[in-house]
Amino acid sequence: MIRTLTDAQRRDWLRLARTENVGPVTFAQLIGRFGEPALALAALPDLARRGGRMSGLRIASEAEAEREFAAGAALGARLIAACEPDFPRALAALDPPPPLIWTRGNPALLDRTCVAVVGARVASAGGQRFARGLAADLGRTGHVVVSGMARGIDGAAHEGALPTGTAAVLGGGIDDVYPPEHRDLYDRIAAEGCVVSESEPGRAAVARDFPRRNRIIAGLSRAVVVVEAELRSGSLITARLAAEQGREVLAVPGSPLDPRARGTNDLIRQGAALCEGVDDVLRALEGLRGFEAPEPPAFQPAPEPEPDDKLRKRVAELLSPTPVSRDELVRATGAPAPAVFAALVELALAGRAELLPGGMISQA
């Protein structure tokens, strides 16, 4: 249900998103169950206790939320909740979407047709030249270029698209400029494009933040182009997430003698479209001409399911470090799906389960 939040609802939405053990999947389940963030917040202690938590759950306070609002306002940043009408539609259609994003600059760019251009941090001069030129060509054809503002390919892509529109998705807070030498680039993107972050202002990025950042890069984009990437590159994670989200994946071929070409060549081997220039991207997008991001899921409260202790125990026993789908857990328990999902939320709040995008669950 698309709606504009009141100040109190926005504060509670932020508090719920910043509460311990509440990731995007748990957040979506809680809003779907209770409808209002205030009702979900009130239920959290009991839900965590039912899941087996012995100590108190750390729930973000009203004061913490107000401090985050103030920090964002001081930067000229804007917080947009996933239910609001100006949340990027392609991002809202993810299952689940990030509960909220901070933006600096012009968030209207995010609802234009976006193409991600990503690749190696330690990139070749030729790779950076290609990324810069491709981004400029995409901009001239009316597309917004999305990337992660890292060294190498990301930075070159942003530079090429600055005159026409580019968005940088950060792993840390909206003010986390990394690498430091990209301060001028960051300032120009904030002034002429858009900077996006799921994290609170002032937060420095750590390793676990980058897969979430990569998911947003892919989620904003109709196509992802990987220019250079080694076989264990984060850019390949972005490409995989894009494929899972139904986006087009393209890769620039390279010499088999260059380790930075192994990842892109492997993507082509697995079925990614070959990219030698903007025409290849436009052809891929032509195939998605009829693509429209679906309406975001309705946040409608459902009748509260009541998993019993026996079901919670059975669900917990079925979990392992290897992710399994929610559907598999429903089949294995033989219980109604809403009750299994409710038990999983309780276990997640207790720190005993991890709810992953794509309907997968693992032992925490």
Protein backbone atom coordinates (compact mmCIF):
# COMPACT_ATOMS: atom_id res chain seq x y z
CA MET A 1 0.00 0.00 0.00
CA ILE A 2 1.70 3.16 -1.24
CA ARG A 3 1.28 5.94 1.30
CA THR A 4 2.99 9.01 2.70
CA LEU A 5 4.06 8.54 6.31
CA THR A 6 3.35 10.99 9.08
CA ASP A 7 6.31 12.21 11.13
CA ALA A 8 5.48 9.71 13.89
CA GLN A 9 5.12 6.82 11.41
CA ARG A 10 8.39 7.77 9.73
CA ARG A 11 10.16 7.78 13.09
CA ASP A 12 8.74 4.35 13.97
CA TRP A 13 9.55 3.03 10.48
CA LEU A 14 13.17 4.09 11.00
CA ARG A 15 13.25 2.63 14.53
CA LEU A 16 11.99 -0.73 13.29
CA ALA A 17 14.54 -0.78 10.45
CA ARG A 18 17.38 -0.04 12.89
CA THR A 19 16.34 -2.61 15.51
CA GLU A 20 18.68 -5.52 16.25
CA ASN A 21 18.12 -8.59 14.03
CA VAL A 22 15.59 -6.78 11.82
CA GLY A 23 16.84 -7.07 8.24
CA PRO A 24 14.80 -6.32 5.10
CA VAL A 25 13.04 -9.71 5.11
CA THR A 26 12.07 -9.57 8.79
CA PHE A 27 11.01 -5.93 8.36
CA ALA A 28 8.70 -6.81 5.45
CA GLN A 29 7.21 -9.73 7.39
CA LEU A 30 6.55 -7.54 10.42
CA ILE A 31 4.91 -4.76 8.38
CA GLY A 32 2.89 -7.32 6.46
CA ARG A 33 1.69 -8.83 9.73
CA PHE A 34 1.04 -5.72 11.83
CA GLY A 35 0.48 -3.02 9.21
CA GLU A 36 1.84 -0.16 11.31
CA PRO A 37 5.47 0.09 12.48
CA ALA A 38 4.31 1.21 15.94
CA LEU A 39 2.35 -2.02 16.40
CA ALA A 40 5.33 -4.09 15.22
CA LEU A 41 7.65 -2.27 17.65
CA ALA A 42 5.29 -2.98 20.54
CA ALA A 43 5.19 -6.68 19.66
CA LEU A 44 8.97 -7.16 19.26
CA PRO A 45 9.92 -8.09 22.85
CA ASP A 46 7.29 -10.81 23.05
CA LEU A 47 8.11 -12.15 19.58
CA ALA A 48 11.82 -12.38 20.44
CA ARG A 49 11.01 -14.11 23.75
CA ARG A 50 8.86 -16.67 21.94
CA GLY A 51 11.75 -17.33 19.57
CA GLY A 52 13.97 -18.25 22.52
CA ARG A 53 15.82 -15.03 23.21
CA MET A 54 16.94 -14.83 26.83
CA SER A 55 18.22 -11.25 26.93
CA GLY A 56 16.43 -8.07 25.88
CA LEU A 57 16.22 -7.17 22.20
CA ARG A 58 17.90 -3.85 21.38
CA ILE A 59 15.17 -1.70 19.87
CA ALA A 60 16.21 1.64 18.39
CA SER A 61 14.90 4.44 20.60
CA GLU A 62 12.98 7.54 19.60
CA ALA A 63 16.02 9.62 20.54
CA GLU A 64 18.27 7.54 18.25
CA ALA A 65 15.83 7.99 15.38
CA GLU A 66 15.67 11.75 15.95
CA ARG A 67 19.47 11.93 15.97
CA GLU A 68 19.60 10.10 12.64
CA PHE A 69 17.02 12.47 11.16
CA ALA A 70 19.04 15.44 12.38
CA ALA A 71 22.29 14.01 10.96
CA GLY A 72 20.64 13.49 7.58
CA ALA A 73 19.10 16.96 7.58
CA ALA A 74 22.49 18.53 8.38
CA LEU A 75 23.85 16.88 5.21
CA GLY A 76 20.93 17.99 3.09
CA ALA A 77 19.93 14.34 2.70
CA ARG A 78 16.43 12.93 2.46
CA LEU A 79 15.08 9.67 3.87
CA ILE A 80 12.52 7.82 1.69
CA ALA A 81 10.60 4.82 3.06
CA ALA A 82 9.81 1.84 0.84
CA CYS A 83 6.06 2.46 1.07
CA GLU A 84 6.23 6.08 -0.08
CA PRO A 85 5.25 7.16 -3.61
CA ASP A 86 8.67 8.62 -4.45
CA PHE A 87 10.62 5.51 -3.45
CA PRO A 88 12.25 4.23 -6.69
CA ARG A 89 9.71 1.90 -8.24
CA ALA A 90 12.22 -0.67 -9.51
CA LEU A 91 13.73 -0.90 -6.02
CA ALA A 92 10.33 -1.13 -4.33
CA ALA A 93 9.55 -4.18 -6.47
CA LEU A 94 12.40 -6.23 -4.97
CA ASP A 95 11.42 -9.12 -2.71
CA PRO A 96 11.91 -7.62 -0.24
CA PRO A 97 12.91 -3.99 -0.87
CA PRO A 98 15.26 -2.18 1.49
CA PRO A 99 12.97 -0.65 4.14
CA LEU A 100 14.37 2.82 3.46
CA ILE A 101 17.08 4.73 1.66
CA TRP A 102 18.86 8.01 2.28
CA THR A 103 19.44 10.17 -0.81
CA ARG A 104 21.48 13.29 -1.57
CA GLY A 105 20.93 15.14 -4.82
CA ASN A 106 18.10 14.40 -7.21
CA PRO A 107 16.24 11.16 -6.37
CA ALA A 108 13.99 11.61 -9.43
CA LEU A 109 16.92 10.26 -11.48
CA LEU A 110 16.34 6.86 -9.87
CA ASP A 111 12.98 6.47 -11.62
CA ARG A 112 14.50 6.95 -15.06
CA THR A 113 15.84 3.94 -16.98
CA CYS A 114 19.05 3.06 -15.12
CA VAL A 115 21.97 0.92 -16.27
CA ALA A 116 24.66 -0.21 -13.85
CA VAL A 117 28.30 -0.17 -14.96
CA VAL A 118 30.55 -1.97 -12.49
CA GLY A 119 33.91 -3.70 -12.39
CA ALA A 120 37.35 -4.09 -10.91
CA ARG A 121 38.83 -1.64 -8.43
CA VAL A 122 42.33 -2.30 -9.73
CA ALA A 123 41.25 -1.73 -13.32
CA SER A 124 43.35 -1.39 -16.43
CA ALA A 125 43.62 1.95 -18.22
CA GLY A 126 41.80 0.42 -21.17
CA GLY A 127 39.00 -0.87 -18.96
CA GLN A 128 38.54 2.53 -17.36
CA ARG A 129 38.49 4.22 -20.76
CA PHE A 130 35.84 1.76 -21.96
CA ALA A 131 33.69 2.29 -18.86
CA ARG A 132 33.95 6.08 -19.14
CA GLY A 133 33.02 6.03 -22.82
CA LEU A 134 30.17 3.55 -22.37
CA ALA A 135 28.71 5.63 -19.53
CA ALA A 136 28.90 8.78 -21.65
CA ASP A 137 27.19 7.01 -24.55
CA LEU A 138 24.46 5.65 -22.26
CA GLY A 139 23.89 9.15 -20.91
CA ARG A 140 23.54 10.57 -24.42
CA THR A 141 20.81 7.99 -25.11
CA GLY A 142 18.87 9.12 -22.03
CA HIS A 143 19.96 6.53 -19.47
CA VAL A 144 21.13 7.08 -15.89
CA VAL A 145 24.32 5.23 -14.98
CA VAL A 146 24.45 3.57 -11.55
CA SER A 147 27.62 2.36 -9.84
CA GLY A 148 29.27 2.04 -6.44
CA MET A 149 31.81 4.92 -6.44
CA ALA A 150 34.72 2.54 -5.87
CA ARG A 151 38.13 2.95 -7.44
CA GLY A 152 38.66 1.82 -11.01
CA ILE A 153 35.66 0.99 -13.19
CA ASP A 154 33.03 2.50 -10.86
CA GLY A 155 34.73 5.87 -10.67
CA ALA A 156 35.32 5.98 -14.43
CA ALA A 157 31.64 5.17 -15.11
CA HIS A 158 30.48 7.97 -12.82
CA GLU A 159 32.84 10.43 -14.50
CA GLY A 160 31.55 9.54 -17.95
CA ALA A 161 27.91 9.98 -16.92
CA LEU A 162 28.18 13.11 -14.75
CA PRO A 163 26.94 15.50 -17.46
CA THR A 164 23.81 13.41 -18.13
CA GLY A 165 22.94 11.76 -14.84
CA THR A 166 24.57 9.24 -12.50
CA ALA A 167 23.76 7.65 -9.13
CA ALA A 168 26.30 6.34 -6.62
CA VAL A 169 25.20 3.67 -4.14
CA LEU A 170 27.35 3.60 -1.00
CA GLY A 171 28.01 0.75 1.42
CA GLY A 172 28.38 3.10 4.38
CA GLY A 173 26.30 6.11 5.32
CA ILE A 174 25.27 8.80 2.87
CA ASP A 175 28.37 10.80 3.90
CA ASP A 176 30.87 7.89 3.80
CA VAL A 177 33.27 8.97 1.05
CA TYR A 178 35.43 6.00 0.13
CA PRO A 179 38.02 5.97 -1.27
CA PRO A 180 39.06 9.38 0.12
CA GLU A 181 40.43 10.50 -3.25
CA HIS A 182 36.87 10.41 -4.59
CA ARG A 183 35.80 13.37 -2.44
CA ASP A 184 35.54 15.67 -5.44
CA LEU A 185 33.67 13.02 -7.43
CA TYR A 186 31.29 12.50 -4.50
CA ASP A 187 30.61 16.24 -4.22
CA ARG A 188 29.85 16.47 -7.94
CA ILE A 189 27.50 13.47 -7.85
CA ALA A 190 25.68 14.91 -4.82
CA ALA A 191 25.31 18.23 -6.67
CA GLU A 192 24.51 16.96 -10.18
CA GLY A 193 23.32 13.37 -9.70
CA CYS A 194 22.18 11.31 -6.73
CA VAL A 195 23.93 9.54 -3.85
CA VAL A 196 22.07 6.61 -2.26
CA SER A 197 22.64 4.69 0.98
CA GLU A 198 20.66 2.21 3.06
CA SER A 199 22.84 2.90 6.14
CA GLU A 200 22.57 5.63 8.74
CA PRO A 201 24.61 8.85 8.21
CA GLY A 202 28.04 8.68 9.79
CA ARG A 203 28.43 4.93 9.37
CA ALA A 204 31.69 3.72 7.81
CA ALA A 205 31.24 0.75 5.50
CA VAL A 206 32.41 -2.71 6.60
CA ALA A 207 32.67 -5.86 4.50
CA ARG A 208 29.15 -7.12 5.21
CA ASP A 209 27.64 -3.87 3.86
CA PHE A 210 28.79 -4.36 0.27
CA PRO A 211 26.49 -7.25 -0.73
CA ARG A 212 23.54 -5.09 0.40
CA ARG A 213 24.93 -2.17 -1.60
CA ASN A 214 25.35 -4.42 -4.65
CA ARG A 215 21.74 -5.59 -4.33
CA ILE A 216 20.56 -1.97 -4.47
CA ILE A 217 22.77 -1.24 -7.50
CA ALA A 218 21.21 -4.19 -9.33
CA GLY A 219 17.73 -3.38 -8.06
CA LEU A 220 17.80 0.17 -9.42
CA SER A 221 18.98 -0.97 -12.85
CA ARG A 222 17.33 -2.64 -15.83
CA ALA A 223 20.72 -3.92 -16.99
CA VAL A 224 24.11 -4.47 -15.38
CA VAL A 225 27.32 -4.24 -17.42
CA VAL A 226 30.47 -5.78 -15.91
CA VAL A 227 33.60 -4.33 -17.53
CA GLU A 228 36.45 -6.09 -15.70
CA ALA A 229 36.25 -8.58 -12.84
CA GLU A 230 38.37 -11.34 -11.39
CA LEU A 231 36.69 -14.63 -10.56
CA ARG A 232 36.11 -13.68 -6.90
CA SER A 233 34.99 -10.13 -7.57
CA GLY A 234 32.15 -8.31 -5.86
CA SER A 235 31.00 -7.22 -9.32
CA LEU A 236 30.07 -10.83 -10.02
CA ILE A 237 27.82 -10.71 -6.95
CA THR A 238 26.09 -7.68 -8.47
CA ALA A 239 25.68 -9.60 -11.75
CA ARG A 240 24.23 -12.64 -9.96
CA LEU A 241 21.79 -10.48 -8.00
CA ALA A 242 20.74 -8.73 -11.22
CA ALA A 243 20.02 -12.07 -12.90
CA GLU A 244 17.99 -13.20 -9.89
CA GLN A 245 16.00 -9.97 -10.06
CA GLY A 246 15.18 -10.45 -13.76
CA ARG A 247 17.56 -7.76 -15.03
CA GLU A 248 19.75 -8.11 -18.12
CA VAL A 249 23.42 -8.96 -17.49
CA LEU A 250 26.15 -8.00 -19.96
CA ALA A 251 29.91 -8.50 -19.78
CA VAL A 252 32.83 -7.02 -21.67
CA PRO A 253 35.15 -9.74 -23.04
CA GLY A 254 38.85 -9.55 -22.42
CA SER A 255 42.16 -11.28 -22.98
CA PRO A 256 42.51 -14.71 -21.33
CA LEU A 257 45.97 -13.53 -20.25
CA ASP A 258 44.46 -10.82 -18.00
CA PRO A 259 43.06 -12.06 -14.65
CA ARG A 260 40.63 -9.13 -14.74
CA ALA A 261 38.95 -10.72 -17.77
CA ARG A 262 38.35 -14.11 -16.18
CA GLY A 263 35.20 -13.05 -14.38
CA THR A 264 33.66 -11.30 -17.38
CA ASN A 265 34.60 -14.10 -19.77
CA ASP A 266 33.04 -16.59 -17.35
CA LEU A 267 29.83 -14.54 -17.24
CA ILE A 268 29.63 -14.74 -21.05
CA ARG A 269 30.25 -18.47 -20.85
CA GLN A 270 27.31 -18.73 -18.44
CA GLY A 271 24.97 -16.84 -20.76
CA ALA A 272 25.53 -13.13 -20.14
CA ALA A 273 25.23 -10.96 -23.24
CA LEU A 274 28.49 -9.81 -24.77
CA CYS A 275 29.06 -6.06 -24.58
CA GLU A 276 31.39 -4.26 -26.98
CA GLY A 277 29.65 -0.88 -26.79
CA VAL A 278 26.44 1.01 -26.18
CA ASP A 279 24.59 -0.67 -29.08
CA ASP A 280 24.83 -4.03 -27.28
CA VAL A 281 23.28 -2.49 -24.16
CA LEU A 282 20.50 -0.85 -26.17
CA ARG A 283 19.70 -4.16 -27.87
CA ALA A 284 19.49 -5.86 -24.46
CA LEU A 285 17.18 -3.13 -23.19
CA GLU A 286 15.06 -3.42 -26.34
CA GLY A 287 14.26 -6.95 -25.23
CA LEU A 288 13.01 -5.48 -21.96
CA ARG A 289 10.95 -2.76 -23.64
CA GLY A 290 7.76 -4.15 -22.16
CA PHE A 291 9.35 -4.48 -18.73
CA GLU A 292 7.57 -2.56 -16.05
CA ALA A 293 8.55 -2.87 -12.43
CA PRO A 294 5.58 -4.51 -10.71
CA GLU A 295 3.67 -2.63 -8.10
CA PRO A 296 5.33 -2.94 -4.69
CA PRO A 297 3.69 -5.47 -2.39
CA ALA A 298 0.80 -4.17 -0.34
CA PHE A 299 1.57 -3.73 3.34
CA GLN A 300 -1.74 -5.06 4.60
CA PRO A 301 -2.02 -6.53 8.08
CA ALA A 302 -2.93 -10.21 8.05
CA PRO A 303 -4.60 -12.24 10.79
CA GLU A 304 -1.93 -12.94 13.38
CA PRO A 305 -0.74 -16.55 13.12
CA GLU A 306 0.11 -18.29 16.36
CA PRO A 307 2.95 -20.79 16.04
CA ASP A 308 3.20 -23.02 19.11
CA ASP A 309 6.35 -24.13 20.92
CA LYS A 310 6.33 -27.46 19.08
CA LEU A 311 6.35 -25.75 15.68
CA ARG A 312 9.07 -23.27 16.70
CA LYS A 313 11.25 -26.14 17.91
CA ARG A 314 10.65 -28.14 14.72
CA VAL A 315 11.47 -25.18 12.46
CA ALA A 316 14.66 -24.44 14.46
CA GLU A 317 15.75 -28.09 14.16
CA LEU A 318 15.33 -27.97 10.38
CA LEU A 319 17.68 -25.00 9.97
CA SER A 320 21.38 -25.34 9.17
CA PRO A 321 24.16 -23.04 7.94
CA THR A 322 23.16 -24.08 4.38
CA PRO A 323 20.26 -21.86 3.24
CA VAL A 324 16.94 -23.55 2.54
CA SER A 325 13.78 -22.09 1.05
CA ARG A 326 10.72 -21.15 3.08
CA ASP A 327 8.66 -23.49 0.91
CA GLU A 328 10.90 -26.41 1.86
CA LEU A 329 10.38 -25.62 5.53
CA VAL A 330 6.62 -25.49 5.06
CA ARG A 331 6.69 -28.88 3.32
CA ALA A 332 8.96 -30.39 5.98
CA THR A 333 6.79 -29.23 8.88
CA GLY A 334 3.41 -29.81 7.27
CA ALA A 335 2.21 -26.68 9.06
CA PRO A 336 0.33 -23.73 7.50
CA ALA A 337 2.72 -21.36 5.73
CA PRO A 338 1.71 -18.24 7.76
CA ALA A 339 2.48 -20.06 11.00
CA VAL A 340 5.88 -21.21 9.70
CA PHE A 341 6.71 -17.67 8.52
CA ALA A 342 5.68 -16.25 11.91
CA ALA A 343 7.91 -18.79 13.68
CA LEU A 344 10.81 -17.81 11.42
CA VAL A 345 10.39 -14.12 12.30
CA GLU A 346 10.44 -15.00 16.00
CA LEU A 347 13.58 -17.11 15.56
CA ALA A 348 15.22 -14.32 13.55
CA LEU A 349 14.48 -11.76 16.28
CA ALA A 350 15.96 -14.18 18.80
CA GLY A 351 19.16 -14.39 16.70
CA ARG A 352 18.60 -18.07 15.84
CA ALA A 353 17.70 -17.73 12.16
CA GLU A 354 18.76 -15.49 9.30
CA LEU A 355 16.08 -14.50 6.80
CA LEU A 356 17.71 -13.93 3.41
CA PRO A 357 16.40 -12.27 0.24
CA GLY A 358 14.85 -14.63 -2.26
CA GLY A 359 12.89 -16.59 0.35
CA MET A 360 15.94 -18.42 1.73
CA ILE A 361 16.57 -19.13 5.42
CA SER A 362 19.71 -20.24 7.26
CA GLN A 363 20.75 -20.88 10.81
CA ALA A 364 22.19 -17.73 12.36
